[in-house]
Structures are given as structure tokens and as C-alpha cells.
Amino acid sequence: GRFTISRDNAKNTVYLHMNSLKPEDTAVYYCAAALALKYDDWWA
């Protein structure tokens, strides 16, 4: 409800729109690519 992910395959780019940011959102944010649909596991 606060963040929105999108991609533009023509530009080889993925975006993360972040709204209503909270102090607990403070972190280093990493982009990652996976061949399998195991979207919530970093090791995949």
C-alpha cells in the first residue's frame, strides 16, 4: 500500500516508488534478479 514496484523491459530497468515513508524504512536498498519465482527469499 505504500511501495510500488514496476519494470520497463525496453530500458532494462526496475523501479521502486516509495510513499508515506517511515523511519523504520531506513536501510540500504538492494536490487536483485532471479530466474525462479521464489521472490521473498534472498538466497534464491
ModelCIF file with pLDDT and N, C-alpha, C, O atoms, coordinates in Angstrom:
data_MODEL
#
_entry.id   MODEL 
#
_entity.id                         1 
_entity.type                       polymer 
_entity.pdbx_number_of_molecules   1 
#
_entity_poly.entity_id                      1 
_entity_poly.type                           'polypeptide(L)' 
_entity_poly.nstd_linkage                   no 
_entity_poly.nstd_monomer                   no 
_entity_poly.pdbx_seq_one_letter_code       GRFTISRDNAKNTVYLHMNSLKPEDTAVYYCAAALALKYDDWWA 
_entity_poly.pdbx_seq_one_letter_code_can   GRFTISRDNAKNTVYLHMNSLKPEDTAVYYCAAALALKYDDWWA 
_entity_poly.pdbx_strand_id                 A 
#
loop_
_entity_poly_seq.entity_id 
_entity_poly_seq.num 
_entity_poly_seq.mon_id 
_entity_poly_seq.hetero 
1 1  GLY n 
1 2  ARG n 
1 3  PHE n 
1 4  THR n 
1 5  ILE n 
1 6  SER n 
1 7  ARG n 
1 8  ASP n 
1 9  ASN n 
1 10 ALA n 
1 11 LYS n 
1 12 ASN n 
1 13 THR n 
1 14 VAL n 
1 15 TYR n 
1 16 LEU n 
1 17 HIS n 
1 18 MET n 
1 19 ASN n 
1 20 SER n 
1 21 LEU n 
1 22 LYS n 
1 23 PRO n 
1 24 GLU n 
1 25 ASP n 
1 26 THR n 
1 27 ALA n 
1 28 VAL n 
1 29 TYR n 
1 30 TYR n 
1 31 CYS n 
1 32 ALA n 
1 33 ALA n 
1 34 ALA n 
1 35 LEU n 
1 36 ALA n 
1 37 LEU n 
1 38 LYS n 
1 39 TYR n 
1 40 ASP n 
1 41 ASP n 
1 42 TRP n 
1 43 TRP n 
1 44 ALA n 
#
_struct_asym.id          A 
_struct_asym.entity_id   1 
#
loop_
_ma_qa_metric.id 
_ma_qa_metric.mode 
_ma_qa_metric.name 
_ma_qa_metric.software_group_id 
_ma_qa_metric.type 
1 global pLDDT . pLDDT 
2 local  pLDDT . pLDDT 
#
_ma_qa_metric_global.metric_id      1 
_ma_qa_metric_global.metric_value   95.89 
_ma_qa_metric_global.model_id       1 
_ma_qa_metric_global.ordinal_id     1 
#
loop_
_ma_qa_metric_local.label_asym_id 
_ma_qa_metric_local.label_comp_id 
_ma_qa_metric_local.label_seq_id 
_ma_qa_metric_local.metric_id 
_ma_qa_metric_local.metric_value 
_ma_qa_metric_local.model_id 
_ma_qa_metric_local.ordinal_id 
A GLY 1  2 97.00 1 1  
A ARG 2  2 98.00 1 2  
A PHE 3  2 98.00 1 3  
A THR 4  2 98.00 1 4  
A ILE 5  2 98.00 1 5  
A SER 6  2 98.00 1 6  
A ARG 7  2 97.00 1 7  
A ASP 8  2 97.00 1 8  
A ASN 9  2 96.00 1 9  
A ALA 10 2 96.00 1 10 
A LYS 11 2 97.00 1 11 
A ASN 12 2 97.00 1 12 
A THR 13 2 98.00 1 13 
A VAL 14 2 98.00 1 14 
A TYR 15 2 98.00 1 15 
A LEU 16 2 98.00 1 16 
A HIS 17 2 98.00 1 17 
A MET 18 2 98.00 1 18 
A ASN 19 2 98.00 1 19 
A SER 20 2 98.00 1 20 
A LEU 21 2 98.00 1 21 
A LYS 22 2 97.00 1 22 
A PRO 23 2 97.00 1 23 
A GLU 24 2 97.00 1 24 
A ASP 25 2 98.00 1 25 
A THR 26 2 98.00 1 26 
A ALA 27 2 98.00 1 27 
A VAL 28 2 98.00 1 28 
A TYR 29 2 98.00 1 29 
A TYR 30 2 98.00 1 30 
A CYS 31 2 98.00 1 31 
A ALA 32 2 98.00 1 32 
A ALA 33 2 97.00 1 33 
A ALA 34 2 96.00 1 34 
A LEU 35 2 93.00 1 35 
A ALA 36 2 87.00 1 36 
A LEU 37 2 82.00 1 37 
A LYS 38 2 87.00 1 38 
A TYR 39 2 91.00 1 39 
A ASP 40 2 92.00 1 40 
A ASP 41 2 92.00 1 41 
A TRP 42 2 92.00 1 42 
A TRP 43 2 93.00 1 43 
A ALA 44 2 93.00 1 44 
#
loop_
_atom_site.group_PDB 
_atom_site.id 
_atom_site.type_symbol 
_atom_site.label_atom_id 
_atom_site.label_alt_id 
_atom_site.label_comp_id 
_atom_site.label_asym_id 
_atom_site.label_entity_id 
_atom_site.label_seq_id 
_atom_site.pdbx_PDB_ins_code 
_atom_site.Cartn_x 
_atom_site.Cartn_y 
_atom_site.Cartn_z 
_atom_site.occupancy 
_atom_site.B_iso_or_equiv 
_atom_site.pdbx_formal_charge 
_atom_site.auth_seq_id 
_atom_site.auth_comp_id 
_atom_site.auth_asym_id 
_atom_site.auth_atom_id 
_atom_site.pdbx_PDB_model_num 
ATOM 1   N N  . GLY A 1 1  ? 0.790  -1.215  0.000   1.00 97.00 ? 1  GLY A N  1 
ATOM 2   C CA . GLY A 1 1  ? 0.000  0.000   0.000   1.00 97.00 ? 1  GLY A CA 1 
ATOM 3   C C  . GLY A 1 1  ? 0.821  1.262   0.000   1.00 97.00 ? 1  GLY A C  1 
ATOM 4   O O  . GLY A 1 1  ? 0.293  2.340   -0.273  1.00 97.00 ? 1  GLY A O  1 
ATOM 5   N N  . ARG A 1 2  ? 2.108  1.159   0.301   1.00 98.00 ? 2  ARG A N  1 
ATOM 6   C CA . ARG A 1 2  ? 2.993  2.320   0.327   1.00 98.00 ? 2  ARG A CA 1 
ATOM 7   C C  . ARG A 1 2  ? 4.038  2.278   -0.794  1.00 98.00 ? 2  ARG A C  1 
ATOM 8   O O  . ARG A 1 2  ? 4.382  3.311   -1.368  1.00 98.00 ? 2  ARG A O  1 
ATOM 9   N N  . PHE A 1 3  ? 4.530  1.095   -1.096  1.00 98.00 ? 3  PHE A N  1 
ATOM 10  C CA . PHE A 1 3  ? 5.569  0.932   -2.113  1.00 98.00 ? 3  PHE A CA 1 
ATOM 11  C C  . PHE A 1 3  ? 4.981  0.317   -3.371  1.00 98.00 ? 3  PHE A C  1 
ATOM 12  O O  . PHE A 1 3  ? 4.049  -0.485  -3.304  1.00 98.00 ? 3  PHE A O  1 
ATOM 13  N N  . THR A 1 4  ? 5.528  0.693   -4.512  1.00 98.00 ? 4  THR A N  1 
ATOM 14  C CA . THR A 1 4  ? 5.109  0.141   -5.792  1.00 98.00 ? 4  THR A CA 1 
ATOM 15  C C  . THR A 1 4  ? 6.333  -0.205  -6.624  1.00 98.00 ? 4  THR A C  1 
ATOM 16  O O  . THR A 1 4  ? 7.192  0.645   -6.859  1.00 98.00 ? 4  THR A O  1 
ATOM 17  N N  . ILE A 1 5  ? 6.411  -1.451  -7.069  1.00 98.00 ? 5  ILE A N  1 
ATOM 18  C CA . ILE A 1 5  ? 7.496  -1.875  -7.943  1.00 98.00 ? 5  ILE A CA 1 
ATOM 19  C C  . ILE A 1 5  ? 6.982  -1.937  -9.376  1.00 98.00 ? 5  ILE A C  1 
ATOM 20  O O  . ILE A 1 5  ? 5.833  -2.309  -9.618  1.00 98.00 ? 5  ILE A O  1 
ATOM 21  N N  . SER A 1 6  ? 7.833  -1.573  -10.316 1.00 98.00 ? 6  SER A N  1 
ATOM 22  C CA . SER A 1 6  ? 7.486  -1.643  -11.725 1.00 98.00 ? 6  SER A CA 1 
ATOM 23  C C  . SER A 1 6  ? 8.750  -1.900  -12.531 1.00 98.00 ? 6  SER A C  1 
ATOM 24  O O  . SER A 1 6  ? 9.862  -1.738  -12.028 1.00 98.00 ? 6  SER A O  1 
ATOM 25  N N  . ARG A 1 7  ? 8.573  -2.301  -13.782 1.00 97.00 ? 7  ARG A N  1 
ATOM 26  C CA . ARG A 1 7  ? 9.728  -2.544  -14.634 1.00 97.00 ? 7  ARG A CA 1 
ATOM 27  C C  . ARG A 1 7  ? 9.463  -2.065  -16.044 1.00 97.00 ? 7  ARG A C  1 
ATOM 28  O O  . ARG A 1 7  ? 8.323  -2.040  -16.508 1.00 97.00 ? 7  ARG A O  1 
ATOM 29  N N  . ASP A 1 8  ? 10.527 -1.687  -16.715 1.00 97.00 ? 8  ASP A N  1 
ATOM 30  C CA . ASP A 1 8  ? 10.480 -1.287  -18.109 1.00 97.00 ? 8  ASP A CA 1 
ATOM 31  C C  . ASP A 1 8  ? 11.471 -2.177  -18.839 1.00 97.00 ? 8  ASP A C  1 
ATOM 32  O O  . ASP A 1 8  ? 12.675 -1.919  -18.819 1.00 97.00 ? 8  ASP A O  1 
ATOM 33  N N  . ASN A 1 9  ? 10.973 -3.219  -19.479 1.00 96.00 ? 9  ASN A N  1 
ATOM 34  C CA . ASN A 1 9  ? 11.858 -4.179  -20.129 1.00 96.00 ? 9  ASN A CA 1 
ATOM 35  C C  . ASN A 1 9  ? 12.599 -3.580  -21.319 1.00 96.00 ? 9  ASN A C  1 
ATOM 36  O O  . ASN A 1 9  ? 13.687 -4.041  -21.666 1.00 96.00 ? 9  ASN A O  1 
ATOM 37  N N  . ALA A 1 10 ? 12.026 -2.567  -21.941 1.00 96.00 ? 10 ALA A N  1 
ATOM 38  C CA . ALA A 1 10 ? 12.700 -1.899  -23.047 1.00 96.00 ? 10 ALA A CA 1 
ATOM 39  C C  . ALA A 1 10 ? 13.926 -1.136  -22.578 1.00 96.00 ? 10 ALA A C  1 
ATOM 40  O O  . ALA A 1 10 ? 14.869 -0.937  -23.345 1.00 96.00 ? 10 ALA A O  1 
ATOM 41  N N  . LYS A 1 11 ? 13.917 -0.707  -21.320 1.00 97.00 ? 11 LYS A N  1 
ATOM 42  C CA . LYS A 1 11 ? 15.034 0.039   -20.754 1.00 97.00 ? 11 LYS A CA 1 
ATOM 43  C C  . LYS A 1 11 ? 15.884 -0.786  -19.799 1.00 97.00 ? 11 LYS A C  1 
ATOM 44  O O  . LYS A 1 11 ? 16.846 -0.273  -19.228 1.00 97.00 ? 11 LYS A O  1 
ATOM 45  N N  . ASN A 1 12 ? 15.540 -2.061  -19.619 1.00 97.00 ? 12 ASN A N  1 
ATOM 46  C CA . ASN A 1 12 ? 16.258 -2.930  -18.679 1.00 97.00 ? 12 ASN A CA 1 
ATOM 47  C C  . ASN A 1 12 ? 16.354 -2.298  -17.294 1.00 97.00 ? 12 ASN A C  1 
ATOM 48  O O  . ASN A 1 12 ? 17.411 -2.311  -16.662 1.00 97.00 ? 12 ASN A O  1 
ATOM 49  N N  . THR A 1 13 ? 15.243 -1.750  -16.839 1.00 98.00 ? 13 THR A N  1 
ATOM 50  C CA . THR A 1 13 ? 15.236 -1.013  -15.585 1.00 98.00 ? 13 THR A CA 1 
ATOM 51  C C  . THR A 1 13 ? 14.041 -1.409  -14.730 1.00 98.00 ? 13 THR A C  1 
ATOM 52  O O  . THR A 1 13 ? 12.936 -1.596  -15.238 1.00 98.00 ? 13 THR A O  1 
ATOM 53  N N  . VAL A 1 14 ? 14.273 -1.534  -13.429 1.00 98.00 ? 14 VAL A N  1 
ATOM 54  C CA . VAL A 1 14 ? 13.212 -1.769  -12.467 1.00 98.00 ? 14 VAL A CA 1 
ATOM 55  C C  . VAL A 1 14 ? 13.191 -0.598  -11.492 1.00 98.00 ? 14 VAL A C  1 
ATOM 56  O O  . VAL A 1 14 ? 14.234 -0.035  -11.161 1.00 98.00 ? 14 VAL A O  1 
ATOM 57  N N  . TYR A 1 15 ? 11.996 -0.238  -11.036 1.00 98.00 ? 15 TYR A N  1 
ATOM 58  C CA . TYR A 1 15 ? 11.819 0.913   -10.171 1.00 98.00 ? 15 TYR A CA 1 
ATOM 59  C C  . TYR A 1 15 ? 11.137 0.507   -8.868  1.00 98.00 ? 15 TYR A C  1 
ATOM 60  O O  . TYR A 1 15 ? 10.423 -0.494  -8.808  1.00 98.00 ? 15 TYR A O  1 
ATOM 61  N N  . LEU A 1 16 ? 11.366 1.290   -7.849  1.00 98.00 ? 16 LEU A N  1 
ATOM 62  C CA . LEU A 1 16 ? 10.645 1.153   -6.591  1.00 98.00 ? 16 LEU A CA 1 
ATOM 63  C C  . LEU A 1 16 ? 10.187 2.541   -6.161  1.00 98.00 ? 16 LEU A C  1 
ATOM 64  O O  . LEU A 1 16 ? 10.995 3.369   -5.742  1.00 98.00 ? 16 LEU A O  1 
ATOM 65  N N  . HIS A 1 17 ? 8.894  2.786   -6.266  1.00 98.00 ? 17 HIS A N  1 
ATOM 66  C CA . HIS A 1 17 ? 8.303  4.036   -5.791  1.00 98.00 ? 17 HIS A CA 1 
ATOM 67  C C  . HIS A 1 17 ? 7.889  3.853   -4.342  1.00 98.00 ? 17 HIS A C  1 
ATOM 68  O O  . HIS A 1 17 ? 7.112  2.953   -4.024  1.00 98.00 ? 17 HIS A O  1 
ATOM 69  N N  . MET A 1 18 ? 8.395  4.689   -3.478  1.00 98.00 ? 18 MET A N  1 
ATOM 70  C CA . MET A 1 18 ? 8.144  4.593   -2.053  1.00 98.00 ? 18 MET A CA 1 
ATOM 71  C C  . MET A 1 18 ? 7.397  5.832   -1.591  1.00 98.00 ? 18 MET A C  1 
ATOM 72  O O  . MET A 1 18 ? 7.877  6.954   -1.755  1.00 98.00 ? 18 MET A O  1 
ATOM 73  N N  . ASN A 1 19 ? 6.230  5.628   -1.018  1.00 98.00 ? 19 ASN A N  1 
ATOM 74  C CA . ASN A 1 19 ? 5.407  6.702   -0.498  1.00 98.00 ? 19 ASN A CA 1 
ATOM 75  C C  . ASN A 1 19 ? 5.190  6.511   0.997   1.00 98.00 ? 19 ASN A C  1 
ATOM 76  O O  . ASN A 1 19 ? 5.416  5.429   1.538   1.00 98.00 ? 19 ASN A O  1 
ATOM 77  N N  . SER A 1 20 ? 4.751  7.575   1.653   1.00 98.00 ? 20 SER A N  1 
ATOM 78  C CA . SER A 1 20 ? 4.458  7.531   3.088   1.00 98.00 ? 20 SER A CA 1 
ATOM 79  C C  . SER A 1 20 ? 5.590  6.879   3.866   1.00 98.00 ? 20 SER A C  1 
ATOM 80  O O  . SER A 1 20 ? 5.360  5.986   4.682   1.00 98.00 ? 20 SER A O  1 
ATOM 81  N N  . LEU A 1 21 ? 6.789  7.323   3.614   1.00 98.00 ? 21 LEU A N  1 
ATOM 82  C CA . LEU A 1 21 ? 7.962  6.706   4.220   1.00 98.00 ? 21 LEU A CA 1 
ATOM 83  C C  . LEU A 1 21 ? 7.985  6.887   5.731   1.00 98.00 ? 21 LEU A C  1 
ATOM 84  O O  . LEU A 1 21 ? 7.569  7.917   6.261   1.00 98.00 ? 21 LEU A O  1 
ATOM 85  N N  . LYS A 1 22 ? 8.480  5.864   6.405   1.00 97.00 ? 22 LYS A N  1 
ATOM 86  C CA . LYS A 1 22 ? 8.586  5.834   7.854   1.00 97.00 ? 22 LYS A CA 1 
ATOM 87  C C  . LYS A 1 22 ? 10.044 5.690   8.253   1.00 97.00 ? 22 LYS A C  1 
ATOM 88  O O  . LYS A 1 22 ? 10.846 5.184   7.468   1.00 97.00 ? 22 LYS A O  1 
ATOM 89  N N  . PRO A 1 23 ? 10.407 6.125   9.463   1.00 97.00 ? 23 PRO A N  1 
ATOM 90  C CA . PRO A 1 23 ? 11.793 5.951   9.909   1.00 97.00 ? 23 PRO A CA 1 
ATOM 91  C C  . PRO A 1 23 ? 12.267 4.500   9.843   1.00 97.00 ? 23 PRO A C  1 
ATOM 92  O O  . PRO A 1 23 ? 13.444 4.253   9.582   1.00 97.00 ? 23 PRO A O  1 
ATOM 93  N N  . GLU A 1 24 ? 11.380 3.545   10.072  1.00 97.00 ? 24 GLU A N  1 
ATOM 94  C CA . GLU A 1 24 ? 11.761 2.148   10.012  1.00 97.00 ? 24 GLU A CA 1 
ATOM 95  C C  . GLU A 1 24 ? 12.052 1.646   8.596   1.00 97.00 ? 24 GLU A C  1 
ATOM 96  O O  . GLU A 1 24 ? 12.506 0.516   8.420   1.00 97.00 ? 24 GLU A O  1 
ATOM 97  N N  . ASP A 1 25 ? 11.792 2.481   7.592   1.00 98.00 ? 25 ASP A N  1 
ATOM 98  C CA . ASP A 1 25 ? 12.175 2.153   6.224   1.00 98.00 ? 25 ASP A CA 1 
ATOM 99  C C  . ASP A 1 25 ? 13.647 2.439   5.954   1.00 98.00 ? 25 ASP A C  1 
ATOM 100 O O  . ASP A 1 25 ? 14.163 2.078   4.897   1.00 98.00 ? 25 ASP A O  1 
ATOM 101 N N  . THR A 1 26 ? 14.321 3.076   6.889   1.00 98.00 ? 26 THR A N  1 
ATOM 102 C CA . THR A 1 26 ? 15.730 3.405   6.729   1.00 98.00 ? 26 THR A CA 1 
ATOM 103 C C  . THR A 1 26 ? 16.562 2.139   6.580   1.00 98.00 ? 26 THR A C  1 
ATOM 104 O O  . THR A 1 26 ? 16.522 1.257   7.438   1.00 98.00 ? 26 THR A O  1 
ATOM 105 N N  . ALA A 1 27 ? 17.312 2.053   5.495   1.00 98.00 ? 27 ALA A N  1 
ATOM 106 C CA . ALA A 1 27 ? 18.120 0.871   5.208   1.00 98.00 ? 27 ALA A CA 1 
ATOM 107 C C  . ALA A 1 27 ? 18.886 1.090   3.914   1.00 98.00 ? 27 ALA A C  1 
ATOM 108 O O  . ALA A 1 27 ? 18.654 2.060   3.192   1.00 98.00 ? 27 ALA A O  1 
ATOM 109 N N  . VAL A 1 28 ? 19.796 0.180   3.636   1.00 98.00 ? 28 VAL A N  1 
ATOM 110 C CA . VAL A 1 28 ? 20.384 0.096   2.306   1.00 98.00 ? 28 VAL A CA 1 
ATOM 111 C C  . VAL A 1 28 ? 19.462 -0.772  1.461   1.00 98.00 ? 28 VAL A C  1 
ATOM 112 O O  . VAL A 1 28 ? 19.117 -1.884  1.859   1.00 98.00 ? 28 VAL A O  1 
ATOM 113 N N  . TYR A 1 29 ? 19.069 -0.277  0.315   1.00 98.00 ? 29 TYR A N  1 
ATOM 114 C CA . TYR A 1 29 ? 18.157 -0.988  -0.569  1.00 98.00 ? 29 TYR A CA 1 
ATOM 115 C C  . TYR A 1 29 ? 18.928 -1.604  -1.723  1.00 98.00 ? 29 TYR A C  1 
ATOM 116 O O  . TYR A 1 29 ? 19.721 -0.936  -2.388  1.00 98.00 ? 29 TYR A O  1 
ATOM 117 N N  . TYR A 1 30 ? 18.682 -2.894  -1.951  1.00 98.00 ? 30 TYR A N  1 
ATOM 118 C CA . TYR A 1 30 ? 19.384 -3.653  -2.973  1.00 98.00 ? 30 TYR A CA 1 
ATOM 119 C C  . TYR A 1 30 ? 18.429 -4.144  -4.051  1.00 98.00 ? 30 TYR A C  1 
ATOM 120 O O  . TYR A 1 30 ? 17.331 -4.616  -3.756  1.00 98.00 ? 30 TYR A O  1 
ATOM 121 N N  . CYS A 1 31 ? 18.848 -4.030  -5.271  1.00 98.00 ? 31 CYS A N  1 
ATOM 122 C CA . CYS A 1 31 ? 18.154 -4.600  -6.406  1.00 98.00 ? 31 CYS A CA 1 
ATOM 123 C C  . CYS A 1 31 ? 18.704 -5.993  -6.671  1.00 98.00 ? 31 CYS A C  1 
ATOM 124 O O  . CYS A 1 31 ? 19.905 -6.219  -6.522  1.00 98.00 ? 31 CYS A O  1 
ATOM 125 N N  . ALA A 1 32 ? 17.840 -6.936  -7.063  1.00 98.00 ? 32 ALA A N  1 
ATOM 126 C CA . ALA A 1 32 ? 18.269 -8.301  -7.312  1.00 98.00 ? 32 ALA A CA 1 
ATOM 127 C C  . ALA A 1 32 ? 17.474 -8.924  -8.448  1.00 98.00 ? 32 ALA A C  1 
ATOM 128 O O  . ALA A 1 32 ? 16.351 -8.509  -8.735  1.00 98.00 ? 32 ALA A O  1 
ATOM 129 N N  . ALA A 1 33 ? 18.069 -9.926  -9.094  1.00 97.00 ? 33 ALA A N  1 
ATOM 130 C CA . ALA A 1 33 ? 17.454 -10.617 -10.224 1.00 97.00 ? 33 ALA A CA 1 
ATOM 131 C C  . ALA A 1 33 ? 17.445 -12.115 -9.978  1.00 97.00 ? 33 ALA A C  1 
ATOM 132 O O  . ALA A 1 33 ? 18.442 -12.683 -9.532  1.00 97.00 ? 33 ALA A O  1 
ATOM 133 N N  . ALA A 1 34 ? 16.307 -12.762 -10.273 1.00 96.00 ? 34 ALA A N  1 
ATOM 134 C CA . ALA A 1 34 ? 16.154 -14.198 -10.061 1.00 96.00 ? 34 ALA A CA 1 
ATOM 135 C C  . ALA A 1 34 ? 15.515 -14.860 -11.278 1.00 96.00 ? 34 ALA A C  1 
ATOM 136 O O  . ALA A 1 34 ? 14.648 -14.277 -11.930 1.00 96.00 ? 34 ALA A O  1 
ATOM 137 N N  . LEU A 1 35 ? 15.947 -16.073 -11.573 1.00 93.00 ? 35 LEU A N  1 
ATOM 138 C CA . LEU A 1 35 ? 15.356 -16.848 -12.661 1.00 93.00 ? 35 LEU A CA 1 
ATOM 139 C C  . LEU A 1 35 ? 14.125 -17.613 -12.205 1.00 93.00 ? 35 LEU A C  1 
ATOM 140 O O  . LEU A 1 35 ? 13.265 -17.930 -13.027 1.00 93.00 ? 35 LEU A O  1 
ATOM 141 N N  . ALA A 1 36 ? 14.019 -17.916 -10.932 1.00 87.00 ? 36 ALA A N  1 
ATOM 142 C CA . ALA A 1 36 ? 12.914 -18.685 -10.385 1.00 87.00 ? 36 ALA A CA 1 
ATOM 143 C C  . ALA A 1 36 ? 11.947 -17.781 -9.632  1.00 87.00 ? 36 ALA A C  1 
ATOM 144 O O  . ALA A 1 36 ? 12.318 -16.701 -9.170  1.00 87.00 ? 36 ALA A O  1 
ATOM 145 N N  . LEU A 1 37 ? 10.704 -18.236 -9.515  1.00 82.00 ? 37 LEU A N  1 
ATOM 146 C CA . LEU A 1 37 ? 9.691  -17.483 -8.781  1.00 82.00 ? 37 LEU A CA 1 
ATOM 147 C C  . LEU A 1 37 ? 9.765  -17.862 -7.302  1.00 82.00 ? 37 LEU A C  1 
ATOM 148 O O  . LEU A 1 37 ? 8.916  -18.585 -6.780  1.00 82.00 ? 37 LEU A O  1 
ATOM 149 N N  . LYS A 1 38 ? 10.785 -17.361 -6.662  1.00 87.00 ? 38 LYS A N  1 
ATOM 150 C CA . LYS A 1 38 ? 10.973 -17.521 -5.223  1.00 87.00 ? 38 LYS A CA 1 
ATOM 151 C C  . LYS A 1 38 ? 11.279 -16.133 -4.697  1.00 87.00 ? 38 LYS A C  1 
ATOM 152 O O  . LYS A 1 38 ? 12.368 -15.866 -4.189  1.00 87.00 ? 38 LYS A O  1 
ATOM 153 N N  . TYR A 1 39 ? 10.319 -15.275 -4.824  1.00 91.00 ? 39 TYR A N  1 
ATOM 154 C CA . TYR A 1 39 ? 10.537 -13.836 -4.759  1.00 91.00 ? 39 TYR A CA 1 
ATOM 155 C C  . TYR A 1 39 ? 10.917 -13.296 -3.394  1.00 91.00 ? 39 TYR A C  1 
ATOM 156 O O  . TYR A 1 39 ? 11.552 -12.244 -3.313  1.00 91.00 ? 39 TYR A O  1 
ATOM 157 N N  . ASP A 1 40 ? 10.551 -13.982 -2.314  1.00 92.00 ? 40 ASP A N  1 
ATOM 158 C CA . ASP A 1 40 ? 10.773 -13.438 -0.980  1.00 92.00 ? 40 ASP A CA 1 
ATOM 159 C C  . ASP A 1 40 ? 11.982 -14.025 -0.263  1.00 92.00 ? 40 ASP A C  1 
ATOM 160 O O  . ASP A 1 40 ? 12.217 -13.707 0.903   1.00 92.00 ? 40 ASP A O  1 
ATOM 161 N N  . ASP A 1 41 ? 12.752 -14.875 -0.937  1.00 92.00 ? 41 ASP A N  1 
ATOM 162 C CA . ASP A 1 41 ? 13.938 -15.479 -0.341  1.00 92.00 ? 41 ASP A CA 1 
ATOM 163 C C  . ASP A 1 41 ? 15.196 -14.912 -0.994  1.00 92.00 ? 41 ASP A C  1 
ATOM 164 O O  . ASP A 1 41 ? 15.413 -15.081 -2.193  1.00 92.00 ? 41 ASP A O  1 
ATOM 165 N N  . TRP A 1 42 ? 16.014 -14.245 -0.200  1.00 92.00 ? 42 TRP A N  1 
ATOM 166 C CA . TRP A 1 42 ? 17.199 -13.603 -0.758  1.00 92.00 ? 42 TRP A CA 1 
ATOM 167 C C  . TRP A 1 42 ? 18.147 -14.586 -1.417  1.00 92.00 ? 42 TRP A C  1 
ATOM 168 O O  . TRP A 1 42 ? 18.819 -14.248 -2.391  1.00 92.00 ? 42 TRP A O  1 
ATOM 169 N N  . TRP A 1 43 ? 18.204 -15.811 -0.886  1.00 93.00 ? 43 TRP A N  1 
ATOM 170 C CA . TRP A 1 43 ? 19.146 -16.809 -1.392  1.00 93.00 ? 43 TRP A CA 1 
ATOM 171 C C  . TRP A 1 43 ? 18.757 -17.358 -2.750  1.00 93.00 ? 43 TRP A C  1 
ATOM 172 O O  . TRP A 1 43 ? 19.566 -18.023 -3.397  1.00 93.00 ? 43 TRP A O  1 
ATOM 173 N N  . ALA A 1 44 ? 17.535 -17.096 -3.198  1.00 93.00 ? 44 ALA A N  1 
ATOM 174 C CA . ALA A 1 44 ? 17.084 -17.571 -4.493  1.00 93.00 ? 44 ALA A CA 1 
ATOM 175 C C  . ALA A 1 44 ? 17.472 -16.637 -5.636  1.00 93.00 ? 44 ALA A C  1 
ATOM 176 O O  . ALA A 1 44 ? 17.155 -16.912 -6.793  1.00 93.00 ? 44 ALA A O  1 
#
